Amino acid sequence: MQKIVFPALLLGVFLIMAGCRTGTWHPNKDQSEWGRDHAECEEIIRAGVRDSPETYDVVDEVKLIRSCMEKKGWRKK
């Protein structure tokens, strides 16, 4: 019995995880444009961080890049 339950449980967890969609989407842009927008946001944010590096840490940088992407219309799935 136990030989059947564990694999079945493992398969169930895998299927649930596979069903969860992650990533981003944009209502008006193709997914291929994400990389270009992200690179542009990184460049803008990192230029600001270089101007005053003592003000920002890595977490702030990630949050600012995410905010920039949201302003460009990208949303989480």
PDB file of N, CA and C in Angstrom:
ATOM      1  N   MET A   1       0.824  -1.198   0.000  1.00  0.00           N
ATOM      2  CA  MET A   1       0.000   0.000   0.000  1.00  0.00           C
ATOM      3  C   MET A   1       0.867   1.260   0.000  1.00  0.00           C
ATOM      4  N   GLN A   2       1.876   1.270   0.874  1.00  0.00           N
ATOM      5  CA  GLN A   2       2.734   2.442   0.983  1.00  0.00           C
ATOM      6  C   GLN A   2       3.545   2.667  -0.294  1.00  0.00           C
ATOM      7  N   LYS A   3       3.827   1.589  -1.020  1.00  0.00           N
ATOM      8  CA  LYS A   3       4.577   1.708  -2.267  1.00  0.00           C
ATOM      9  C   LYS A   3       3.770   2.447  -3.335  1.00  0.00           C
ATOM     10  N   ILE A   4       2.456   2.426  -3.212  1.00  0.00           N
ATOM     11  CA  ILE A   4       1.591   3.097  -4.181  1.00  0.00           C
ATOM     12  C   ILE A   4       1.266   4.527  -3.749  1.00  0.00           C
ATOM     13  N   VAL A   5       1.111   4.744  -2.451  1.00  0.00           N
ATOM     14  CA  VAL A   5       0.683   6.047  -1.942  1.00  0.00           C
ATOM     15  C   VAL A   5       1.738   7.117  -2.174  1.00  0.00           C
ATOM     16  N   PHE A   6       2.984   6.838  -1.861  1.00  0.00           N
ATOM     17  CA  PHE A   6       4.033   7.860  -1.989  1.00  0.00           C
ATOM     18  C   PHE A   6       4.212   8.321  -3.439  1.00  0.00           C
ATOM     19  N   PRO A   7       4.367   7.396  -4.409  1.00  0.00           N
ATOM     20  CA  PRO A   7       4.479   7.865  -5.802  1.00  0.00           C
ATOM     21  C   PRO A   7       3.245   8.629  -6.282  1.00  0.00           C
ATOM     22  N   ALA A   8       2.061   8.180  -5.849  1.00  0.00           N
ATOM     23  CA  ALA A   8       0.839   8.879  -6.253  1.00  0.00           C
ATOM     24  C   ALA A   8       0.802  10.283  -5.665  1.00  0.00           C
ATOM     25  N   LEU A   9       1.214  10.409  -4.409  1.00  0.00           N
ATOM     26  CA  LEU A   9       1.268  11.717  -3.762  1.00  0.00           C
ATOM     27  C   LEU A   9       2.292  12.616  -4.445  1.00  0.00           C
ATOM     28  N   LEU A  10       3.443  12.060  -4.747  1.00  0.00           N
ATOM     29  CA  LEU A  10       4.493  12.810  -5.438  1.00  0.00           C
ATOM     30  C   LEU A  10       4.013  13.271  -6.820  1.00  0.00           C
ATOM     31  N   LEU A  11       3.341  12.398  -7.527  1.00  0.00           N
ATOM     32  CA  LEU A  11       2.801  12.763  -8.835  1.00  0.00           C
ATOM     33  C   LEU A  11       1.760  13.872  -8.710  1.00  0.00           C
ATOM     34  N   GLY A  12       0.907  13.786  -7.691  1.00  0.00           N
ATOM     35  CA  GLY A  12      -0.097  14.828  -7.463  1.00  0.00           C
ATOM     36  C   GLY A  12       0.530  16.180  -7.199  1.00  0.00           C
ATOM     37  N   VAL A  13       1.566  16.205  -6.369  1.00  0.00           N
ATOM     38  CA  VAL A  13       2.264  17.466  -6.074  1.00  0.00           C
ATOM     39  C   VAL A  13       2.895  18.020  -7.346  1.00  0.00           C
ATOM     40  N   PHE A  14       3.509  17.155  -8.134  1.00  0.00           N
ATOM     41  CA  PHE A  14       4.131  17.594  -9.384  1.00  0.00           C
ATOM     42  C   PHE A  14       3.102  18.202 -10.335  1.00  0.00           C
ATOM     43  N   LEU A  15       1.959  17.567 -10.449  1.00  0.00           N
ATOM     44  CA  LEU A  15       0.921  18.078 -11.353  1.00  0.00           C
ATOM     45  C   LEU A  15       0.375  19.423 -10.887  1.00  0.00           C
ATOM     46  N   ILE A  16       0.240  19.581  -9.591  1.00  0.00           N
ATOM     47  CA  ILE A  16      -0.225  20.873  -9.056  1.00  0.00           C
ATOM     48  C   ILE A  16       0.805  21.955  -9.355  1.00  0.00           C
ATOM     49  N   MET A  17       2.078  21.641  -9.120  1.00  0.00           N
ATOM     50  CA  MET A  17       3.135  22.626  -9.382  1.00  0.00           C
ATOM     51  C   MET A  17       3.224  22.961 -10.861  1.00  0.00           C
ATOM     52  N   ALA A  18       3.067  21.964 -11.708  1.00  0.00           N
ATOM     53  CA  ALA A  18       3.134  22.198 -13.154  1.00  0.00           C
ATOM     54  C   ALA A  18       1.964  23.042 -13.632  1.00  0.00           C
ATOM     55  N   GLY A  19       0.853  22.967 -12.933  1.00  0.00           N
ATOM     56  CA  GLY A  19      -0.326  23.742 -13.306  1.00  0.00           C
ATOM     57  C   GLY A  19      -0.244  25.197 -12.915  1.00  0.00           C
ATOM     58  N   CYS A  20       0.624  25.521 -11.969  1.00  0.00           N
ATOM     59  CA  CYS A  20       0.773  26.915 -11.537  1.00  0.00           C
ATOM     60  C   CYS A  20       1.608  27.656 -12.567  1.00  0.00           C
ATOM     61  N   ARG A  21       1.067  28.710 -13.091  1.00  0.00           N
ATOM     62  CA  ARG A  21       1.785  29.485 -14.098  1.00  0.00           C
ATOM     63  C   ARG A  21       2.522  30.628 -13.431  1.00  0.00           C
ATOM     64  N   THR A  22       3.740  30.821 -13.854  1.00  0.00           N
ATOM     65  CA  THR A  22       4.531  31.931 -13.338  1.00  0.00           C
ATOM     66  C   THR A  22       5.024  32.750 -14.518  1.00  0.00           C
ATOM     67  N   GLY A  23       5.537  33.912 -14.231  1.00  0.00           N
ATOM     68  CA  GLY A  23       6.070  34.750 -15.281  1.00  0.00           C
ATOM     69  C   GLY A  23       5.341  36.076 -15.360  1.00  0.00           C
ATOM     70  N   THR A  24       5.495  36.722 -16.492  1.00  0.00           N
ATOM     71  CA  THR A  24       4.882  38.025 -16.701  1.00  0.00           C
ATOM     72  C   THR A  24       4.154  38.058 -18.038  1.00  0.00           C
ATOM     73  N   TRP A  25       3.287  39.026 -18.181  1.00  0.00           N
ATOM     74  CA  TRP A  25       2.568  39.226 -19.433  1.00  0.00           C
ATOM     75  C   TRP A  25       2.315  40.710 -19.620  1.00  0.00           C
ATOM     76  N   HIS A  26       2.063  41.081 -20.853  1.00  0.00           N
ATOM     77  CA  HIS A  26       1.760  42.468 -21.199  1.00  0.00           C
ATOM     78  C   HIS A  26       0.566  42.452 -22.137  1.00  0.00           C
ATOM     79  N   PRO A  27      -0.415  43.289 -21.878  1.00  0.00           N
ATOM     80  CA  PRO A  27      -1.621  43.252 -22.715  1.00  0.00           C
ATOM     81  C   PRO A  27      -1.391  43.666 -24.167  1.00  0.00           C
ATOM     82  N   ASN A  28      -0.351  44.467 -24.433  1.00  0.00           N
ATOM     83  CA  ASN A  28      -0.161  45.000 -25.788  1.00  0.00           C
ATOM     84  C   ASN A  28       1.162  44.632 -26.435  1.00  0.00           C
ATOM     85  N   LYS A  29       2.010  43.890 -25.729  1.00  0.00           N
ATOM     86  CA  LYS A  29       3.328  43.561 -26.275  1.00  0.00           C
ATOM     87  C   LYS A  29       3.509  42.059 -26.342  1.00  0.00           C
ATOM     88  N   ASP A  30       4.356  41.640 -27.279  1.00  0.00           N
ATOM     89  CA  ASP A  30       4.712  40.240 -27.396  1.00  0.00           C
ATOM     90  C   ASP A  30       5.710  39.885 -26.291  1.00  0.00           C
ATOM     91  N   GLN A  31       5.721  38.633 -25.868  1.00  0.00           N
ATOM     92  CA  GLN A  31       6.613  38.193 -24.795  1.00  0.00           C
ATOM     93  C   GLN A  31       8.081  38.420 -25.162  1.00  0.00           C
ATOM     94  N   SER A  32       8.397  38.423 -26.448  1.00  0.00           N
ATOM     95  CA  SER A  32       9.779  38.627 -26.885  1.00  0.00           C
ATOM     96  C   SER A  32      10.295  40.028 -26.560  1.00  0.00           C
ATOM     97  N   GLU A  33       9.410  40.969 -26.302  1.00  0.00           N
ATOM     98  CA  GLU A  33       9.822  42.334 -25.983  1.00  0.00           C
ATOM     99  C   GLU A  33      10.175  42.520 -24.506  1.00  0.00           C
ATOM    100  N   TRP A  34       9.908  41.497 -23.679  1.00  0.00           N
ATOM    101  CA  TRP A  34      10.194  41.582 -22.252  1.00  0.00           C
ATOM    102  C   TRP A  34      11.676  41.839 -22.009  1.00  0.00           C
ATOM    103  N   GLY A  35      12.547  41.120 -22.698  1.00  0.00           N
ATOM    104  CA  GLY A  35      13.992  41.249 -22.504  1.00  0.00           C
ATOM    105  C   GLY A  35      14.494  42.658 -22.790  1.00  0.00           C
ATOM    106  N   ARG A  36      13.986  43.248 -23.836  1.00  0.00           N
ATOM    107  CA  ARG A  36      14.398  44.612 -24.199  1.00  0.00           C
ATOM    108  C   ARG A  36      13.946  45.602 -23.127  1.00  0.00           C
ATOM    109  N   ASP A  37      12.701  45.484 -22.682  1.00  0.00           N
ATOM    110  CA  ASP A  37      12.194  46.378 -21.641  1.00  0.00           C
ATOM    111  C   ASP A  37      12.946  46.180 -20.323  1.00  0.00           C
ATOM    112  N   HIS A  38      13.242  44.927 -19.991  1.00  0.00           N
ATOM    113  CA  HIS A  38      13.948  44.645 -18.736  1.00  0.00           C
ATOM    114  C   HIS A  38      15.364  45.209 -18.773  1.00  0.00           C
ATOM    115  N   ALA A  39      16.055  45.053 -19.895  1.00  0.00           N
ATOM    116  CA  ALA A  39      17.409  45.598 -20.028  1.00  0.00           C
ATOM    117  C   ALA A  39      17.396  47.120 -19.900  1.00  0.00           C
ATOM    118  N   GLU A  40      16.395  47.754 -20.484  1.00  0.00           N
ATOM    119  CA  GLU A  40      16.266  49.211 -20.395  1.00  0.00           C
ATOM    120  C   GLU A  40      16.024  49.639 -18.942  1.00  0.00           C
ATOM    121  N   CYS A  41      15.155  48.920 -18.239  1.00  0.00           N
ATOM    122  CA  CYS A  41      14.891  49.239 -16.832  1.00  0.00           C
ATOM    123  C   CYS A  41      16.147  49.040 -15.984  1.00  0.00           C
ATOM    124  N   GLU A  42      16.873  47.956 -16.225  1.00  0.00           N
ATOM    125  CA  GLU A  42      18.116  47.710 -15.483  1.00  0.00           C
ATOM    126  C   GLU A  42      19.101  48.858 -15.687  1.00  0.00           C
ATOM    127  N   GLU A  43      19.240  49.293 -16.927  1.00  0.00           N
ATOM    128  CA  GLU A  43      20.176  50.372 -17.237  1.00  0.00           C
ATOM    129  C   GLU A  43      19.790  51.666 -16.515  1.00  0.00           C
ATOM    130  N   ILE A  44      18.513  51.999 -16.539  1.00  0.00           N
ATOM    131  CA  ILE A  44      18.034  53.224 -15.894  1.00  0.00           C
ATOM    132  C   ILE A  44      18.248  53.162 -14.386  1.00  0.00           C
ATOM    133  N   ILE A  45      17.839  52.043 -13.775  1.00  0.00           N
ATOM    134  CA  ILE A  45      17.929  51.911 -12.320  1.00  0.00           C
ATOM    135  C   ILE A  45      19.373  51.851 -11.872  1.00  0.00           C
ATOM    136  N   ARG A  46      20.199  51.088 -12.550  1.00  0.00           N
ATOM    137  CA  ARG A  46      21.605  50.959 -12.131  1.00  0.00           C
ATOM    138  C   ARG A  46      22.370  52.254 -12.296  1.00  0.00           C
ATOM    139  N   ALA A  47      21.993  53.075 -13.248  1.00  0.00           N
ATOM    140  CA  ALA A  47      22.624  54.397 -13.377  1.00  0.00           C
ATOM    141  C   ALA A  47      22.311  55.235 -12.143  1.00  0.00           C
ATOM    142  N   GLY A  48      21.078  55.154 -11.659  1.00  0.00           N
ATOM    143  CA  GLY A  48      20.713  55.879 -10.444  1.00  0.00           C
ATOM    144  C   GLY A  48      21.398  55.337  -9.214  1.00  0.00           C
ATOM    145  N   VAL A  49      21.548  54.015  -9.157  1.00  0.00           N
ATOM    146  CA  VAL A  49      22.221  53.389  -8.015  1.00  0.00           C
ATOM    147  C   VAL A  49      23.696  53.789  -7.985  1.00  0.00           C
ATOM    148  N   ARG A  50      24.315  53.874  -9.156  1.00  0.00           N
ATOM    149  CA  ARG A  50      25.737  54.273  -9.208  1.00  0.00           C
ATOM    150  C   ARG A  50      25.940  55.693  -8.691  1.00  0.00           C
ATOM    151  N   ASP A  51      24.933  56.552  -8.876  1.00  0.00           N
ATOM    152  CA  ASP A  51      25.057  57.933  -8.420  1.00  0.00           C
ATOM    153  C   ASP A  51      25.095  58.037  -6.905  1.00  0.00           C
ATOM    154  N   SER A  52      24.402  57.141  -6.213  1.00  0.00           N
ATOM    155  CA  SER A  52      24.420  57.140  -4.743  1.00  0.00           C
ATOM    156  C   SER A  52      24.332  55.705  -4.224  1.00  0.00           C
ATOM    157  N   PRO A  53      25.435  54.947  -4.332  1.00  0.00           N
ATOM    158  CA  PRO A  53      25.411  53.524  -3.981  1.00  0.00           C
ATOM    159  C   PRO A  53      25.134  53.243  -2.506  1.00  0.00           C
ATOM    160  N   GLU A  54      25.435  54.183  -1.635  1.00  0.00           N
ATOM    161  CA  GLU A  54      25.199  53.960  -0.203  1.00  0.00           C
ATOM    162  C   GLU A  54      23.705  53.970   0.139  1.00  0.00           C
ATOM    163  N   THR A  55      22.878  54.489  -0.753  1.00  0.00           N
ATOM    164  CA  THR A  55      21.443  54.597  -0.511  1.00  0.00           C
ATOM    165  C   THR A  55      20.702  53.305  -0.833  1.00  0.00           C
ATOM    166  N   TYR A  56      21.204  52.515  -1.775  1.00  0.00           N
ATOM    167  CA  TYR A  56      20.483  51.351  -2.276  1.00  0.00           C
ATOM    168  C   TYR A  56      21.233  50.064  -1.979  1.00  0.00           C
ATOM    169  N   ASP A  57      20.475  48.993  -1.752  1.00  0.00           N
ATOM    170  CA  ASP A  57      21.063  47.660  -1.693  1.00  0.00           C
ATOM    171  C   ASP A  57      20.456  46.822  -2.821  1.00  0.00           C
ATOM    172  N   VAL A  58      20.819  45.550  -2.889  1.00  0.00           N
ATOM    173  CA  VAL A  58      20.370  44.700  -3.992  1.00  0.00           C
ATOM    174  C   VAL A  58      18.845  44.549  -3.988  1.00  0.00           C
ATOM    175  N   VAL A  59      18.251  44.451  -2.812  1.00  0.00           N
ATOM    176  CA  VAL A  59      16.795  44.300  -2.724  1.00  0.00           C
ATOM    177  C   VAL A  59      16.101  45.544  -3.280  1.00  0.00           C
ATOM    178  N   ASP A  60      16.618  46.720  -2.939  1.00  0.00           N
ATOM    179  CA  ASP A  60      16.042  47.956  -3.476  1.00  0.00           C
ATOM    180  C   ASP A  60      16.145  47.982  -5.003  1.00  0.00           C
ATOM    181  N   GLU A  61      17.289  47.536  -5.510  1.00  0.00           N
ATOM    182  CA  GLU A  61      17.499  47.535  -6.956  1.00  0.00           C
ATOM    183  C   GLU A  61      16.469  46.638  -7.647  1.00  0.00           C
ATOM    184  N   VAL A  62      16.243  45.452  -7.097  1.00  0.00           N
ATOM    185  CA  VAL A  62      15.263  44.532  -7.681  1.00  0.00           C
ATOM    186  C   VAL A  62      13.862  45.142  -7.630  1.00  0.00           C
ATOM    187  N   LYS A  63      13.515  45.749  -6.507  1.00  0.00           N
ATOM    188  CA  LYS A  63      12.192  46.374  -6.378  1.00  0.00           C
ATOM    189  C   LYS A  63      12.020  47.513  -7.375  1.00  0.00           C
ATOM    190  N   LEU A  64      13.065  48.303  -7.571  1.00  0.00           N
ATOM    191  CA  LEU A  64      12.984  49.417  -8.516  1.00  0.00           C
ATOM    192  C   LEU A  64      12.857  48.926  -9.951  1.00  0.00           C
ATOM    193  N   ILE A  65      13.577  47.862 -10.293  1.00  0.00           N
ATOM    194  CA  ILE A  65      13.464  47.301 -11.642  1.00  0.00           C
ATOM    195  C   ILE A  65      12.068  46.744 -11.852  1.00  0.00           C
ATOM    196  N   ARG A  66      11.525  46.057 -10.846  1.00  0.00           N
ATOM    197  CA  ARG A  66      10.167  45.522 -10.944  1.00  0.00           C
ATOM    198  C   ARG A  66       9.154  46.649 -11.115  1.00  0.00           C
ATOM    199  N   SER A  67       9.347  47.730 -10.379  1.00  0.00           N
ATOM    200  CA  SER A  67       8.460  48.886 -10.490  1.00  0.00           C
ATOM    201  C   SER A  67       8.529  49.504 -11.888  1.00  0.00           C
ATOM    202  N   CYS A  68       9.722  49.595 -12.427  1.00  0.00           N
ATOM    203  CA  CYS A  68       9.908  50.126 -13.781  1.00  0.00           C
ATOM    204  C   CYS A  68       9.175  49.259 -14.798  1.00  0.00           C
ATOM    205  N   MET A  69       9.283  47.940 -14.642  1.00  0.00           N
ATOM    206  CA  MET A  69       8.598  47.034 -15.565  1.00  0.00           C
ATOM    207  C   MET A  69       7.084  47.178 -15.446  1.00  0.00           C
ATOM    208  N   GLU A  70       6.592  47.371 -14.237  1.00  0.00           N
ATOM    209  CA  GLU A  70       5.155  47.571 -14.050  1.00  0.00           C
ATOM    210  C   GLU A  70       4.702  48.862 -14.718  1.00  0.00           C
ATOM    211  N   LYS A  71       5.529  49.910 -14.656  1.00  0.00           N
ATOM    212  CA  LYS A  71       5.190  51.175 -15.307  1.00  0.00           C
ATOM    213  C   LYS A  71       5.150  51.013 -16.823  1.00  0.00           C
ATOM    214  N   LYS A  72       5.928  50.058 -17.344  1.00  0.00           N
ATOM    215  CA  LYS A  72       5.911  49.789 -18.784  1.00  0.00           C
ATOM    216  C   LYS A  72       4.742  48.881 -19.180  1.00  0.00           C
ATOM    217  N   GLY A  73       3.956  48.455 -18.180  1.00  0.00           N
ATOM    218  CA  GLY A  73       2.765  47.668 -18.468  1.00  0.00           C
ATOM    219  C   GLY A  73       2.880  46.173 -18.218  1.00  0.00           C
ATOM    220  N   TRP A  74       4.050  45.678 -17.794  1.00  0.00           N
ATOM    221  CA  TRP A  74       4.232  44.251 -17.541  1.00  0.00           C
ATOM    222  C   TRP A  74       3.599  43.879 -16.209  1.00  0.00           C
ATOM    223  N   ARG A  75       2.902  42.763 -16.186  1.00  0.00           N
ATOM    224  CA  ARG A  75       2.201  42.290 -14.994  1.00  0.00           C
ATOM    225  C   ARG A  75       2.579  40.842 -14.712  1.00  0.00           C
ATOM    226  N   LYS A  76       2.500  40.472 -13.430  1.00  0.00           N
ATOM    227  CA  LYS A  76       2.749  39.075 -13.055  1.00  0.00           C
ATOM    228  C   LYS A  76       1.530  38.242 -13.400  1.00  0.00           C
ATOM    229  N   LYS A  77       1.761  36.996 -13.779  1.00  0.00           N
ATOM    230  CA  LYS A  77       0.658  36.075 -14.082  1.00  0.00           C
ATOM    231  C   LYS A  77       0.044  35.584 -12.798  1.00  0.00           C
TER     232      LYS A  77
END
